[in-house]
Protein backbone atom coordinates (compact mmCIF):
# COMPACT_ATOMS: atom_id res chain seq x y z
CA ARG A 1 -15.17 11.08 -19.44
CA ALA A 2 -17.38 9.95 -16.41
CA ARG A 3 -15.76 7.85 -13.75
CA SER A 4 -17.59 5.78 -11.12
CA PHE A 5 -16.97 6.56 -7.53
CA ALA A 6 -14.99 3.44 -6.93
CA SER A 7 -12.53 4.06 -10.03
CA ARG A 8 -12.11 7.82 -8.77
CA ARG A 9 -11.09 6.52 -5.16
CA ILE A 10 -8.79 3.99 -6.62
CA TYR A 11 -7.19 6.60 -8.90
CA ARG A 12 -6.88 9.05 -5.94
CA GLN A 13 -5.29 6.57 -3.86
CA SER A 14 -2.60 5.64 -6.65
CA GLN A 15 -1.69 9.48 -6.83
CA ARG A 16 -0.71 9.95 -3.33
CA PRO A 17 2.96 10.65 -2.90
CA LEU A 18 5.22 8.09 -1.09
CA VAL A 19 5.95 9.45 2.36
CA GLN A 20 9.47 9.10 3.53
CA SER A 21 10.22 8.66 7.29
CA ARG A 22 11.55 11.87 8.99
CA MET A 23 13.20 9.81 11.69
CA PRO A 24 17.00 9.08 11.29
CA ALA A 25 17.68 5.30 10.52
CA ALA A 26 19.46 4.74 13.82
CA THR A 27 16.32 5.61 15.98
CA ARG A 28 13.66 3.86 13.76
CA LYS A 29 12.48 0.67 15.61
CA GLN A 30 10.51 -1.08 12.83
CA PRO A 31 12.15 -3.30 10.19
CA ILE A 32 12.94 -1.72 6.73
CA ARG A 33 10.24 -2.49 4.12
CA LEU A 34 11.82 -4.60 1.20
CA TYR A 35 9.05 -3.98 -1.28
CA SER A 36 7.33 -1.13 -3.06
CA LYS A 37 3.61 -0.40 -2.32
CA ALA A 38 1.17 -0.75 -5.30
CA ILE A 39 -2.48 -0.89 -5.87
CA PHE A 40 -4.53 -3.15 -8.02
CA LEU A 41 -6.67 -1.03 -10.39
CA GLY A 42 -8.36 -3.56 -12.31
CA TYR A 43 -8.13 -6.05 -15.32
CA GLN A 44 -6.88 -5.12 -18.70
CA ARG A 45 -10.00 -4.24 -20.76
CA SER A 46 -11.39 -2.66 -23.62
CA ARG A 47 -14.78 -0.70 -23.72
CA THR A 48 -16.85 -4.09 -23.71
CA ASN A 49 -14.48 -6.84 -22.86
CA GLN A 50 -12.20 -7.52 -20.06
CA ASN A 51 -9.18 -9.76 -19.64
CA PRO A 52 -8.97 -10.98 -16.09
CA ASN A 53 -5.62 -12.81 -16.97
CA THR A 54 -3.72 -9.44 -16.96
CA ALA A 55 -3.97 -6.96 -13.95
CA LEU A 56 -3.26 -3.28 -14.07
CA VAL A 57 -0.96 -2.25 -11.20
CA LYS A 58 -0.08 1.27 -10.06
CA ILE A 59 3.10 1.44 -8.31
CA ASP A 60 3.67 4.31 -5.75
CA GLY A 61 6.11 6.97 -6.89
CA VAL A 62 6.20 5.85 -10.59
CA THR A 63 4.69 8.37 -12.86
CA SER A 64 6.20 7.75 -16.33
CA LYS A 65 6.63 4.87 -18.72
CA GLU A 66 10.52 5.28 -18.41
CA GLU A 67 10.36 4.89 -14.58
CA THR A 68 8.52 1.49 -14.95
CA ASP A 69 11.46 -0.06 -16.60
CA PHE A 70 13.05 -0.82 -13.25
CA TYR A 71 10.12 -2.92 -12.20
CA LEU A 72 9.78 -5.21 -15.28
CA GLY A 73 10.25 -8.81 -14.38
CA LYS A 74 9.77 -7.88 -10.59
CA ARG A 75 7.64 -10.27 -8.56
CA VAL A 76 4.18 -9.04 -7.22
CA ALA A 77 2.41 -10.31 -4.14
CA TYR A 78 -1.25 -10.02 -3.17
CA VAL A 79 -1.42 -10.92 0.52
CA TYR A 80 -4.84 -11.45 2.14
CA ARG A 81 -6.45 -13.10 5.11
CA ALA A 82 -8.60 -16.19 4.67
CA LYS A 83 -11.29 -17.51 6.96
CA LYS A 84 -9.79 -21.04 7.37
CA GLU A 85 -6.33 -21.84 8.54
CA ARG A 86 -4.03 -23.54 6.15
CA LYS A 87 -0.52 -24.75 7.35
CA ASP A 88 -1.15 -22.96 10.72
CA SER A 89 -1.94 -19.51 9.12
CA LYS A 90 -4.83 -17.61 7.81
CA ILE A 91 -2.65 -15.46 5.56
CA ARG A 92 -2.29 -16.31 1.97
CA VAL A 93 -0.40 -14.98 -0.92
CA ILE A 94 -1.05 -14.87 -4.81
CA TRP A 95 2.18 -14.40 -6.66
CA GLY A 96 2.55 -12.70 -10.02
CA ARG A 97 5.11 -10.77 -12.35
CA VAL A 98 5.39 -7.56 -13.75
CA THR A 99 5.28 -8.11 -17.57
CA ARG A 100 5.23 -4.64 -19.20
CA PRO A 101 4.31 -1.02 -18.94
CA HIS A 102 0.60 0.03 -19.42
CA GLY A 103 0.08 3.55 -20.86
CA ASN A 104 2.20 6.61 -20.43
CA SER A 105 1.63 7.39 -16.51
CA GLY A 106 3.60 4.75 -15.00
CA ALA A 107 0.88 1.81 -14.54
CA VAL A 108 2.23 -1.67 -15.37
CA ARG A 109 0.66 -4.96 -16.39
CA ALA A 110 1.03 -7.98 -14.24
CA LYS A 111 0.26 -11.71 -14.78
CA PHE A 112 -0.62 -13.67 -11.48
CA ARG A 113 -0.47 -17.48 -11.18
CA THR A 114 -4.22 -17.52 -10.43
CA ASN A 115 -6.23 -14.45 -11.41
CA LEU A 116 -6.79 -11.76 -8.89
CA PRO A 117 -10.22 -11.82 -7.41
CA PRO A 118 -12.47 -8.82 -8.22
CA LYS A 119 -12.67 -8.08 -4.47
CA ALA A 120 -8.97 -7.17 -4.63
CA MET A 121 -9.53 -4.05 -6.80
CA GLY A 122 -8.27 -1.00 -5.09
CA SER A 123 -6.34 -2.99 -2.40
CA ARG A 124 -2.50 -3.00 -1.69
CA LEU A 125 -0.01 -5.33 -3.59
CA ARG A 126 3.60 -5.73 -2.81
CA VAL A 127 6.22 -5.21 -5.55
CA MET A 128 9.35 -7.11 -4.44
CA LEU A 129 12.70 -5.59 -5.41
CA TYR A 130 13.68 -9.03 -6.80
CA PRO A 131 14.78 -10.49 -9.19
CA SER A 132 17.32 -7.89 -9.88
CA ARG A 133 18.35 -7.12 -13.45
CA VAL A 134 21.35 -4.96 -12.61
């Protein structure tokens, strides 16, 4: 099945392995990342219609439906920069939540408070490691 250039690029980005730091923890200067990286693939869709209420998200390092179980219910953040300052910051966030798996390859569906803009397709999301279900 033919894929557009943009969707091939997004798919390739989602298949990259998660790189672990080779430096020991004691010598590392930067703070520890408390979220998993993910990519916004697009909206839930069929051949003709798309549903912008539901976003498809590919989480780094997750390759099967069983591995997505840990992330169900976790919060997702789309962090972006705006032109105008609001509350002394140009950085804004759209929050959402992982709702269920999508397919067998480790993608998940997420619902956001306001739908993600189309310009966000292919961009990074942050899947927070809370709330915990353990």
